[in-house]
Amino acid sequence: MPEVTDAEFGAEVLGSELPVLVEFTADWCPPCRQMAPVLSAVAEEEGERLRVVQLNVDRNPATTNAYKVLSMPTFMVFRGGEPVKSMVGSRPKRLLLAELADVL
């Protein structure tokens, strides 16, 4: 899963032509680790319509604070440089895809 940093966030996420699903994650977060295979599968299945990236909250506090992320994992979908959907907590792939359907 590609990881973006505070420095790259503008170009990689806000400037993306595709919608981008950002997982705000942390190394110490067990639910975040559980989501890794789910996000990989979503990225593979929806790769033509959606980019999936991670942002480590501990290493990238500026972006984390800018979007008021308090819980991990937090998922935000960005389209056209703006957040259009936010979800908190782990979930199975089928539920994640269902929740993403309205933004793809």
PDB file of N, CA and C in Angstrom:
ATOM      1  N   MET A   1       0.853  -1.167   0.000  1.00  0.00           N
ATOM      2  CA  MET A   1       0.000   0.000   0.000  1.00  0.00           C
ATOM      3  C   MET A   1       0.901   1.233   0.000  1.00  0.00           C
ATOM      4  N   PRO A   2       0.721   2.130  -0.952  1.00  0.00           N
ATOM      5  CA  PRO A   2       1.537   3.345  -0.971  1.00  0.00           C
ATOM      6  C   PRO A   2       1.255   4.206   0.258  1.00  0.00           C
ATOM      7  N   GLU A   3       2.304   4.783   0.796  1.00  0.00           N
ATOM      8  CA  GLU A   3       2.166   5.684   1.934  1.00  0.00           C
ATOM      9  C   GLU A   3       2.479   7.102   1.472  1.00  0.00           C
ATOM     10  N   VAL A   4       1.645   8.047   1.884  1.00  0.00           N
ATOM     11  CA  VAL A   4       1.901   9.447   1.571  1.00  0.00           C
ATOM     12  C   VAL A   4       2.299  10.171   2.851  1.00  0.00           C
ATOM     13  N   THR A   5       3.006  11.292   2.675  1.00  0.00           N
ATOM     14  CA  THR A   5       3.462  12.093   3.797  1.00  0.00           C
ATOM     15  C   THR A   5       2.781  13.459   3.758  1.00  0.00           C
ATOM     16  N   ASP A   6       3.010  14.225   4.821  1.00  0.00           N
ATOM     17  CA  ASP A   6       2.496  15.600   4.833  1.00  0.00           C
ATOM     18  C   ASP A   6       2.948  16.351   3.584  1.00  0.00           C
ATOM     19  N   ALA A   7       4.222  16.174   3.226  1.00  0.00           N
ATOM     20  CA  ALA A   7       4.791  16.905   2.086  1.00  0.00           C
ATOM     21  C   ALA A   7       4.170  16.490   0.758  1.00  0.00           C
ATOM     22  N   GLU A   8       3.761  15.242   0.633  1.00  0.00           N
ATOM     23  CA  GLU A   8       3.218  14.716  -0.625  1.00  0.00           C
ATOM     24  C   GLU A   8       1.700  14.813  -0.723  1.00  0.00           C
ATOM     25  N   PHE A   9       1.026  15.076   0.397  1.00  0.00           N
ATOM     26  CA  PHE A   9      -0.425  14.976   0.455  1.00  0.00           C
ATOM     27  C   PHE A   9      -1.122  15.837  -0.594  1.00  0.00           C
ATOM     28  N   GLY A  10      -0.671  17.061  -0.752  1.00  0.00           N
ATOM     29  CA  GLY A  10      -1.300  17.953  -1.730  1.00  0.00           C
ATOM     30  C   GLY A  10      -1.249  17.402  -3.138  1.00  0.00           C
ATOM     31  N   ALA A  11      -0.083  16.961  -3.571  1.00  0.00           N
ATOM     32  CA  ALA A  11       0.078  16.460  -4.936  1.00  0.00           C
ATOM     33  C   ALA A  11      -0.554  15.087  -5.116  1.00  0.00           C
ATOM     34  N   GLU A  12      -0.335  14.185  -4.155  1.00  0.00           N
ATOM     35  CA  GLU A  12      -0.763  12.790  -4.313  1.00  0.00           C
ATOM     36  C   GLU A  12      -2.251  12.569  -4.047  1.00  0.00           C
ATOM     37  N   VAL A  13      -2.816  13.347  -3.142  1.00  0.00           N
ATOM     38  CA  VAL A  13      -4.219  13.140  -2.758  1.00  0.00           C
ATOM     39  C   VAL A  13      -5.099  14.265  -3.292  1.00  0.00           C
ATOM     40  N   LEU A  14      -4.812  15.487  -2.884  1.00  0.00           N
ATOM     41  CA  LEU A  14      -5.664  16.606  -3.284  1.00  0.00           C
ATOM     42  C   LEU A  14      -5.599  16.880  -4.780  1.00  0.00           C
ATOM     43  N   GLY A  15      -4.457  16.603  -5.398  1.00  0.00           N
ATOM     44  CA  GLY A  15      -4.289  16.859  -6.820  1.00  0.00           C
ATOM     45  C   GLY A  15      -4.588  15.670  -7.720  1.00  0.00           C
ATOM     46  N   SER A  16      -5.040  14.577  -7.145  1.00  0.00           N
ATOM     47  CA  SER A  16      -5.299  13.368  -7.924  1.00  0.00           C
ATOM     48  C   SER A  16      -6.535  13.526  -8.813  1.00  0.00           C
ATOM     49  N   GLU A  17      -6.430  12.990 -10.015  1.00  0.00           N
ATOM     50  CA  GLU A  17      -7.592  13.001 -10.918  1.00  0.00           C
ATOM     51  C   GLU A  17      -8.622  11.965 -10.505  1.00  0.00           C
ATOM     52  N   LEU A  18      -8.166  10.878  -9.887  1.00  0.00           N
ATOM     53  CA  LEU A  18      -9.067   9.854  -9.367  1.00  0.00           C
ATOM     54  C   LEU A  18      -9.450  10.187  -7.933  1.00  0.00           C
ATOM     55  N   PRO A  19     -10.606   9.711  -7.465  1.00  0.00           N
ATOM     56  CA  PRO A  19     -10.872   9.798  -6.031  1.00  0.00           C
ATOM     57  C   PRO A  19      -9.786   9.011  -5.287  1.00  0.00           C
ATOM     58  N   VAL A  20      -9.473   9.448  -4.074  1.00  0.00           N
ATOM     59  CA  VAL A  20      -8.434   8.794  -3.278  1.00  0.00           C
ATOM     60  C   VAL A  20      -9.010   8.416  -1.925  1.00  0.00           C
ATOM     61  N   LEU A  21      -8.878   7.141  -1.572  1.00  0.00           N
ATOM     62  CA  LEU A  21      -9.220   6.660  -0.239  1.00  0.00           C
ATOM     63  C   LEU A  21      -7.945   6.702   0.587  1.00  0.00           C
ATOM     64  N   VAL A  22      -7.945   7.517   1.641  1.00  0.00           N
ATOM     65  CA  VAL A  22      -6.797   7.643   2.525  1.00  0.00           C
ATOM     66  C   VAL A  22      -7.120   6.928   3.827  1.00  0.00           C
ATOM     67  N   GLU A  23      -6.254   5.989   4.204  1.00  0.00           N
ATOM     68  CA  GLU A  23      -6.369   5.382   5.523  1.00  0.00           C
ATOM     69  C   GLU A  23      -5.397   6.116   6.441  1.00  0.00           C
ATOM     70  N   PHE A  24      -5.930   6.796   7.438  1.00  0.00           N
ATOM     71  CA  PHE A  24      -5.105   7.386   8.486  1.00  0.00           C
ATOM     72  C   PHE A  24      -4.820   6.265   9.466  1.00  0.00           C
ATOM     73  N   THR A  25      -3.558   5.910   9.607  1.00  0.00           N
ATOM     74  CA  THR A  25      -3.168   4.699  10.304  1.00  0.00           C
ATOM     75  C   THR A  25      -2.011   4.964  11.254  1.00  0.00           C
ATOM     76  N   ALA A  26      -1.695   3.965  12.064  1.00  0.00           N
ATOM     77  CA  ALA A  26      -0.547   4.035  12.968  1.00  0.00           C
ATOM     78  C   ALA A  26       0.031   2.633  13.123  1.00  0.00           C
ATOM     79  N   ASP A  27       1.342   2.573  13.334  1.00  0.00           N
ATOM     80  CA  ASP A  27       2.005   1.280  13.487  1.00  0.00           C
ATOM     81  C   ASP A  27       1.470   0.497  14.682  1.00  0.00           C
ATOM     82  N   TRP A  28       1.040   1.184  15.728  1.00  0.00           N
ATOM     83  CA  TRP A  28       0.598   0.559  16.965  1.00  0.00           C
ATOM     84  C   TRP A  28      -0.883   0.165  16.951  1.00  0.00           C
ATOM     85  N   CYS A  29      -1.572   0.336  15.847  1.00  0.00           N
ATOM     86  CA  CYS A  29      -3.029   0.162  15.747  1.00  0.00           C
ATOM     87  C   CYS A  29      -3.388  -1.221  15.192  1.00  0.00           C
ATOM     88  N   PRO A  30      -3.835  -2.173  16.047  1.00  0.00           N
ATOM     89  CA  PRO A  30      -4.214  -3.502  15.543  1.00  0.00           C
ATOM     90  C   PRO A  30      -5.329  -3.478  14.487  1.00  0.00           C
ATOM     91  N   PRO A  31      -6.411  -2.687  14.651  1.00  0.00           N
ATOM     92  CA  PRO A  31      -7.427  -2.671  13.597  1.00  0.00           C
ATOM     93  C   PRO A  31      -6.878  -2.170  12.253  1.00  0.00           C
ATOM     94  N   CYS A  32      -5.881  -1.279  12.317  1.00  0.00           N
ATOM     95  CA  CYS A  32      -5.262  -0.790  11.081  1.00  0.00           C
ATOM     96  C   CYS A  32      -4.552  -1.938  10.367  1.00  0.00           C
ATOM     97  N   ARG A  33      -3.847  -2.753  11.124  1.00  0.00           N
ATOM     98  CA  ARG A  33      -3.160  -3.906  10.520  1.00  0.00           C
ATOM     99  C   ARG A  33      -4.174  -4.900   9.940  1.00  0.00           C
ATOM    100  N   GLN A  34      -5.322  -5.051  10.590  1.00  0.00           N
ATOM    101  CA  GLN A  34      -6.367  -5.933  10.073  1.00  0.00           C
ATOM    102  C   GLN A  34      -6.896  -5.439   8.730  1.00  0.00           C
ATOM    103  N   MET A  35      -6.877  -4.147   8.525  1.00  0.00           N
ATOM    104  CA  MET A  35      -7.414  -3.568   7.295  1.00  0.00           C
ATOM    105  C   MET A  35      -6.464  -3.680   6.111  1.00  0.00           C
ATOM    106  N   ALA A  36      -5.200  -3.982   6.341  1.00  0.00           N
ATOM    107  CA  ALA A  36      -4.217  -4.022   5.251  1.00  0.00           C
ATOM    108  C   ALA A  36      -4.642  -4.936   4.101  1.00  0.00           C
ATOM    109  N   PRO A  37      -5.039  -6.196   4.353  1.00  0.00           N
ATOM    110  CA  PRO A  37      -5.447  -7.036   3.217  1.00  0.00           C
ATOM    111  C   PRO A  37      -6.752  -6.564   2.572  1.00  0.00           C
ATOM    112  N   VAL A  38      -7.640  -5.981   3.359  1.00  0.00           N
ATOM    113  CA  VAL A  38      -8.897  -5.454   2.817  1.00  0.00           C
ATOM    114  C   VAL A  38      -8.603  -4.303   1.863  1.00  0.00           C
ATOM    115  N   LEU A  39      -7.746  -3.378   2.289  1.00  0.00           N
ATOM    116  CA  LEU A  39      -7.411  -2.235   1.450  1.00  0.00           C
ATOM    117  C   LEU A  39      -6.650  -2.649   0.201  1.00  0.00           C
ATOM    118  N   SER A  40      -5.780  -3.644   0.326  1.00  0.00           N
ATOM    119  CA  SER A  40      -5.064  -4.156  -0.852  1.00  0.00           C
ATOM    120  C   SER A  40      -6.044  -4.733  -1.862  1.00  0.00           C
ATOM    121  N   ALA A  41      -7.033  -5.473  -1.374  1.00  0.00           N
ATOM    122  CA  ALA A  41      -8.037  -6.051  -2.270  1.00  0.00           C
ATOM    123  C   ALA A  41      -8.879  -4.967  -2.929  1.00  0.00           C
ATOM    124  N   VAL A  42      -9.262  -3.950  -2.166  1.00  0.00           N
ATOM    125  CA  VAL A  42     -10.044  -2.839  -2.726  1.00  0.00           C
ATOM    126  C   VAL A  42      -9.224  -2.105  -3.778  1.00  0.00           C
ATOM    127  N   ALA A  43      -7.957  -1.865  -3.481  1.00  0.00           N
ATOM    128  CA  ALA A  43      -7.081  -1.171  -4.438  1.00  0.00           C
ATOM    129  C   ALA A  43      -6.955  -1.973  -5.728  1.00  0.00           C
ATOM    130  N   GLU A  44      -6.854  -3.286  -5.603  1.00  0.00           N
ATOM    131  CA  GLU A  44      -6.723  -4.134  -6.794  1.00  0.00           C
ATOM    132  C   GLU A  44      -8.020  -4.154  -7.598  1.00  0.00           C
ATOM    133  N   GLU A  45      -9.150  -4.281  -6.925  1.00  0.00           N
ATOM    134  CA  GLU A  45     -10.444  -4.377  -7.606  1.00  0.00           C
ATOM    135  C   GLU A  45     -10.908  -3.044  -8.198  1.00  0.00           C
ATOM    136  N   GLU A  46     -10.619  -1.946  -7.511  1.00  0.00           N
ATOM    137  CA  GLU A  46     -11.146  -0.643  -7.914  1.00  0.00           C
ATOM    138  C   GLU A  46     -10.063   0.302  -8.435  1.00  0.00           C
ATOM    139  N   GLY A  47      -8.892  -0.231  -8.755  1.00  0.00           N
ATOM    140  CA  GLY A  47      -7.740   0.566  -9.135  1.00  0.00           C
ATOM    141  C   GLY A  47      -7.949   1.525 -10.287  1.00  0.00           C
ATOM    142  N   GLU A  48      -8.883   1.224 -11.173  1.00  0.00           N
ATOM    143  CA  GLU A  48      -9.134   2.131 -12.296  1.00  0.00           C
ATOM    144  C   GLU A  48     -10.038   3.295 -11.908  1.00  0.00           C
ATOM    145  N   ARG A  49     -10.738   3.146 -10.768  1.00  0.00           N
ATOM    146  CA  ARG A  49     -11.672   4.192 -10.337  1.00  0.00           C
ATOM    147  C   ARG A  49     -11.270   4.869  -9.034  1.00  0.00           C
ATOM    148  N   LEU A  50     -10.300   4.285  -8.312  1.00  0.00           N
ATOM    149  CA  LEU A  50      -9.988   4.757  -6.969  1.00  0.00           C
ATOM    150  C   LEU A  50      -8.535   4.470  -6.622  1.00  0.00           C
ATOM    151  N   ARG A  51      -7.827   5.469  -6.082  1.00  0.00           N
ATOM    152  CA  ARG A  51      -6.496   5.250  -5.510  1.00  0.00           C
ATOM    153  C   ARG A  51      -6.672   4.985  -4.029  1.00  0.00           C
ATOM    154  N   VAL A  52      -5.844   4.109  -3.476  1.00  0.00           N
ATOM    155  CA  VAL A  52      -5.871   3.819  -2.045  1.00  0.00           C
ATOM    156  C   VAL A  52      -4.473   4.055  -1.497  1.00  0.00           C
ATOM    157  N   VAL A  53      -4.376   4.899  -0.469  1.00  0.00           N
ATOM    158  CA  VAL A  53      -3.085   5.212   0.141  1.00  0.00           C
ATOM    159  C   VAL A  53      -3.236   5.226   1.657  1.00  0.00           C
ATOM    160  N   GLN A  54      -2.085   5.189   2.322  1.00  0.00           N
ATOM    161  CA  GLN A  54      -2.052   5.294   3.779  1.00  0.00           C
ATOM    162  C   GLN A  54      -1.294   6.544   4.182  1.00  0.00           C
ATOM    163  N   LEU A  55      -1.683   7.097   5.333  1.00  0.00           N
ATOM    164  CA  LEU A  55      -0.939   8.195   5.928  1.00  0.00           C
ATOM    165  C   LEU A  55      -0.730   7.845   7.397  1.00  0.00           C
ATOM    166  N   ASN A  56       0.527   7.733   7.816  1.00  0.00           N
ATOM    167  CA  ASN A  56       0.845   7.400   9.193  1.00  0.00           C
ATOM    168  C   ASN A  56       0.667   8.650  10.044  1.00  0.00           C
ATOM    169  N   VAL A  57      -0.244   8.583  11.020  1.00  0.00           N
ATOM    170  CA  VAL A  57      -0.583   9.763  11.811  1.00  0.00           C
ATOM    171  C   VAL A  57       0.572  10.217  12.701  1.00  0.00           C
ATOM    172  N   ASP A  58       1.391   9.288  13.159  1.00  0.00           N
ATOM    173  CA  ASP A  58       2.501   9.650  14.038  1.00  0.00           C
ATOM    174  C   ASP A  58       3.608  10.388  13.284  1.00  0.00           C
ATOM    175  N   ARG A  59       3.817  10.017  12.038  1.00  0.00           N
ATOM    176  CA  ARG A  59       4.878  10.645  11.240  1.00  0.00           C
ATOM    177  C   ARG A  59       4.398  11.855  10.440  1.00  0.00           C
ATOM    178  N   ASN A  60       3.086  12.073  10.400  1.00  0.00           N
ATOM    179  CA  ASN A  60       2.516  13.149   9.577  1.00  0.00           C
ATOM    180  C   ASN A  60       1.444  13.929  10.348  1.00  0.00           C
ATOM    181  N   PRO A  61       1.872  14.634  11.395  1.00  0.00           N
ATOM    182  CA  PRO A  61       0.885  15.313  12.244  1.00  0.00           C
ATOM    183  C   PRO A  61       0.167  16.487  11.577  1.00  0.00           C
ATOM    184  N   ALA A  62       0.780  17.150  10.618  1.00  0.00           N
ATOM    185  CA  ALA A  62       0.140  18.315  10.008  1.00  0.00           C
ATOM    186  C   ALA A  62      -1.159  17.930   9.291  1.00  0.00           C
ATOM    187  N   THR A  63      -1.098  16.901   8.462  1.00  0.00           N
ATOM    188  CA  THR A  63      -2.295  16.461   7.739  1.00  0.00           C
ATOM    189  C   THR A  63      -3.303  15.858   8.700  1.00  0.00           C
ATOM    190  N   THR A  64      -2.825  15.073   9.649  1.00  0.00           N
ATOM    191  CA  THR A  64      -3.709  14.471  10.650  1.00  0.00           C
ATOM    192  C   THR A  64      -4.491  15.543  11.392  1.00  0.00           C
ATOM    193  N   ASN A  65      -3.809  16.585  11.832  1.00  0.00           N
ATOM    194  CA  ASN A  65      -4.467  17.674  12.561  1.00  0.00           C
ATOM    195  C   ASN A  65      -5.376  18.496  11.653  1.00  0.00           C
ATOM    196  N   ALA A  66      -4.958  18.715  10.419  1.00  0.00           N
ATOM    197  CA  ALA A  66      -5.760  19.516   9.495  1.00  0.00           C
ATOM    198  C   ALA A  66      -7.136  18.894   9.256  1.00  0.00           C
ATOM    199  N   TYR A  67      -7.200  17.566   9.253  1.00  0.00           N
ATOM    200  CA  TYR A  67      -8.473  16.878   9.008  1.00  0.00           C
ATOM    201  C   TYR A  67      -9.097  16.351  10.294  1.00  0.00           C
ATOM    202  N   LYS A  68      -8.552  16.785  11.441  1.00  0.00           N
ATOM    203  CA  LYS A  68      -9.117  16.473  12.762  1.00  0.00           C
ATOM    204  C   LYS A  68      -9.306  14.974  12.989  1.00  0.00           C
ATOM    205  N   VAL A  69      -8.307  14.195  12.585  1.00  0.00           N
ATOM    206  CA  VAL A  69      -8.360  12.743  12.762  1.00  0.00           C
ATOM    207  C   VAL A  69      -7.990  12.417  14.205  1.00  0.00           C
ATOM    208  N   LEU A  70      -8.893  11.742  14.901  1.00  0.00           N
ATOM    209  CA  LEU A  70      -8.676  11.403  16.301  1.00  0.00           C
ATOM    210  C   LEU A  70      -8.640   9.906  16.558  1.00  0.00           C
ATOM    211  N   SER A  71      -9.217   9.106  15.687  1.00  0.00           N
ATOM    212  CA  SER A  71      -9.294   7.657  15.876  1.00  0.00           C
ATOM    213  C   SER A  71      -8.689   6.950  14.682  1.00  0.00           C
ATOM    214  N   MET A  72      -8.117   5.771  14.957  1.00  0.00           N
ATOM    215  CA  MET A  72      -7.559   4.970  13.881  1.00  0.00           C
ATOM    216  C   MET A  72      -8.228   3.603  13.869  1.00  0.00           C
ATOM    217  N   PRO A  73      -8.445   3.057  12.693  1.00  0.00           N
ATOM    218  CA  PRO A  73      -8.241   3.702  11.408  1.00  0.00           C
ATOM    219  C   PRO A  73      -9.394   4.648  11.063  1.00  0.00           C
ATOM    220  N   THR A  74      -9.033   5.769  10.482  1.00  0.00           N
ATOM    221  CA  THR A  74     -10.009   6.678   9.880  1.00  0.00           C
ATOM    222  C   THR A  74      -9.784   6.617   8.383  1.00  0.00           C
ATOM    223  N   PHE A  75     -10.861   6.510   7.646  1.00  0.00           N
ATOM    224  CA  PHE A  75     -10.803   6.485   6.185  1.00  0.00           C
ATOM    225  C   PHE A  75     -11.482   7.738   5.666  1.00  0.00           C
ATOM    226  N   MET A  76     -10.810   8.452   4.776  1.00  0.00           N
ATOM    227  CA  MET A  76     -11.415   9.612   4.125  1.00  0.00           C
ATOM    228  C   MET A  76     -11.256   9.455   2.624  1.00  0.00           C
ATOM    229  N   VAL A  77     -12.320   9.765   1.922  1.00  0.00           N
ATOM    230  CA  VAL A  77     -12.272   9.775   0.466  1.00  0.00           C
ATOM    231  C   VAL A  77     -12.192  11.229   0.027  1.00  0.00           C
ATOM    232  N   PHE A  78     -11.202  11.509  -0.813  1.00  0.00           N
ATOM    233  CA  PHE A  78     -11.004  12.845  -1.371  1.00  0.00           C
ATOM    234  C   PHE A  78     -11.302  12.796  -2.862  1.00  0.00           C
ATOM    235  N   ARG A  79     -12.080  13.760  -3.322  1.00  0.00           N
ATOM    236  CA  ARG A  79     -12.383  13.878  -4.744  1.00  0.00           C
ATOM    237  C   ARG A  79     -12.321  15.361  -5.092  1.00  0.00           C
ATOM    238  N   GLY A  80     -11.580  15.692  -6.137  1.00  0.00           N
ATOM    239  CA  GLY A  80     -11.454  17.085  -6.534  1.00  0.00           C
ATOM    240  C   GLY A  80     -10.807  17.955  -5.469  1.00  0.00           C
ATOM    241  N   GLY A  81      -9.918  17.361  -4.677  1.00  0.00           N
ATOM    242  CA  GLY A  81      -9.213  18.116  -3.660  1.00  0.00           C
ATOM    243  C   GLY A  81      -9.965  18.327  -2.359  1.00  0.00           C
ATOM    244  N   GLU A  82     -11.152  17.739  -2.240  1.00  0.00           N
ATOM    245  CA  GLU A  82     -11.978  17.919  -1.042  1.00  0.00           C
ATOM    246  C   GLU A  82     -12.365  16.576  -0.433  1.00  0.00           C
ATOM    247  N   PRO A  83     -12.455  16.504   0.900  1.00  0.00           N
ATOM    248  CA  PRO A  83     -12.971  15.282   1.522  1.00  0.00           C
ATOM    249  C   PRO A  83     -14.469  15.159   1.249  1.00  0.00           C
ATOM    250  N   VAL A  84     -14.892  13.992   0.758  1.00  0.00           N
ATOM    251  CA  VAL A  84     -16.311  13.791   0.440  1.00  0.00           C
ATOM    252  C   VAL A  84     -16.946  12.695   1.281  1.00  0.00           C
ATOM    253  N   LYS A  85     -16.129  11.937   2.018  1.00  0.00           N
ATOM    254  CA  LYS A  85     -16.673  10.878   2.865  1.00  0.00           C
ATOM    255  C   LYS A  85     -15.650  10.560   3.938  1.00  0.00           C
ATOM    256  N   SER A  86     -16.139  10.247   5.135  1.00  0.00           N
ATOM    257  CA  SER A  86     -15.266   9.863   6.238  1.00  0.00           C
ATOM    258  C   SER A  86     -15.893   8.685   6.974  1.00  0.00           C
ATOM    259  N   MET A  87     -15.060   7.725   7.336  1.00  0.00           N
ATOM    260  CA  MET A  87     -15.503   6.532   8.057  1.00  0.00           C
ATOM    261  C   MET A  87     -14.454   6.210   9.110  1.00  0.00           C
ATOM    262  N   VAL A  88     -14.884   5.702  10.256  1.00  0.00           N
ATOM    263  CA  VAL A  88     -13.964   5.350  11.326  1.00  0.00           C
ATOM    264  C   VAL A  88     -14.160   3.894  11.706  1.00  0.00           C
ATOM    265  N   GLY A  89     -13.048   3.179  11.874  1.00  0.00           N
ATOM    266  CA  GLY A  89     -13.087   1.797  12.342  1.00  0.00           C
ATOM    267  C   GLY A  89     -12.931   0.782  11.221  1.00  0.00           C
ATOM    268  N   SER A  90     -12.483  -0.398  11.616  1.00  0.00           N
ATOM    269  CA  SER A  90     -12.287  -1.457  10.626  1.00  0.00           C
ATOM    270  C   SER A  90     -13.631  -2.020  10.198  1.00  0.00           C
ATOM    271  N   ARG A  91     -13.636  -2.627   9.016  1.00  0.00           N
ATOM    272  CA  ARG A  91     -14.854  -3.222   8.452  1.00  0.00           C
ATOM    273  C   ARG A  91     -14.452  -4.217   7.393  1.00  0.00           C
ATOM    274  N   PRO A  92     -15.327  -5.182   7.107  1.00  0.00           N
ATOM    275  CA  PRO A  92     -15.023  -6.141   6.043  1.00  0.00           C
ATOM    276  C   PRO A  92     -15.075  -5.462   4.670  1.00  0.00           C
ATOM    277  N   LYS A  93     -14.447  -6.114   3.705  1.00  0.00           N
ATOM    278  CA  LYS A  93     -14.354  -5.549   2.360  1.00  0.00           C
ATOM    279  C   LYS A  93     -15.721  -5.250   1.765  1.00  0.00           C
ATOM    280  N   ARG A  94     -16.666  -6.144   1.880  1.00  0.00           N
ATOM    281  CA  ARG A  94     -17.984  -5.934   1.270  1.00  0.00           C
ATOM    282  C   ARG A  94     -18.666  -4.685   1.833  1.00  0.00           C
ATOM    283  N   LEU A  95     -18.508  -4.448   3.139  1.00  0.00           N
ATOM    284  CA  LEU A  95     -19.105  -3.261   3.745  1.00  0.00           C
ATOM    285  C   LEU A  95     -18.367  -2.004   3.297  1.00  0.00           C
ATOM    286  N   LEU A  96     -17.046  -2.064   3.237  1.00  0.00           N
ATOM    287  CA  LEU A  96     -16.268  -0.914   2.771  1.00  0.00           C
ATOM    288  C   LEU A  96     -16.647  -0.556   1.339  1.00  0.00           C
ATOM    289  N   LEU A  97     -16.747  -1.554   0.481  1.00  0.00           N
ATOM    290  CA  LEU A  97     -17.127  -1.294  -0.922  1.00  0.00           C
ATOM    291  C   LEU A  97     -18.528  -0.713  -1.006  1.00  0.00           C
ATOM    292  N   ALA A  98     -19.447  -1.206  -0.177  1.00  0.00           N
ATOM    293  CA  ALA A  98     -20.806  -0.670  -0.175  1.00  0.00           C
ATOM    294  C   ALA A  98     -20.808   0.793   0.251  1.00  0.00           C
ATOM    295  N   GLU A  99     -19.969   1.133   1.234  1.00  0.00           N
ATOM    296  CA  GLU A  99     -19.907   2.510   1.717  1.00  0.00           C
ATOM    297  C   GLU A  99     -19.233   3.438   0.693  1.00  0.00           C
ATOM    298  N   LEU A 100     -18.382   2.873  -0.132  1.00  0.00           N
ATOM    299  CA  LEU A 100     -17.693   3.672  -1.150  1.00  0.00           C
ATOM    300  C   LEU A 100     -18.509   3.850  -2.424  1.00  0.00           C
ATOM    301  N   ALA A 101     -19.547   3.062  -2.597  1.00  0.00           N
ATOM    302  CA  ALA A 101     -20.310   3.055  -3.845  1.00  0.00           C
ATOM    303  C   ALA A 101     -20.819   4.437  -4.238  1.00  0.00           C
ATOM    304  N   ASP A 102     -21.237   5.239  -3.268  1.00  0.00           N
ATOM    305  CA  ASP A 102     -21.799   6.544  -3.615  1.00  0.00           C
ATOM    306  C   ASP A 102     -20.756   7.602  -3.973  1.00  0.00           C
ATOM    307  N   VAL A 103     -19.466   7.306  -3.762  1.00  0.00           N
ATOM    308  CA  VAL A 103     -18.446   8.286  -4.090  1.00  0.00           C
ATOM    309  C   VAL A 103     -17.593   7.879  -5.281  1.00  0.00           C
ATOM    310  N   LEU A 104     -17.834   6.696  -5.822  1.00  0.00           N
ATOM    311  CA  LEU A 104     -17.055   6.243  -6.987  1.00  0.00           C
ATOM    312  C   LEU A 104     -17.749   6.601  -8.289  1.00  0.00           C
TER     313      LEU A 104
END
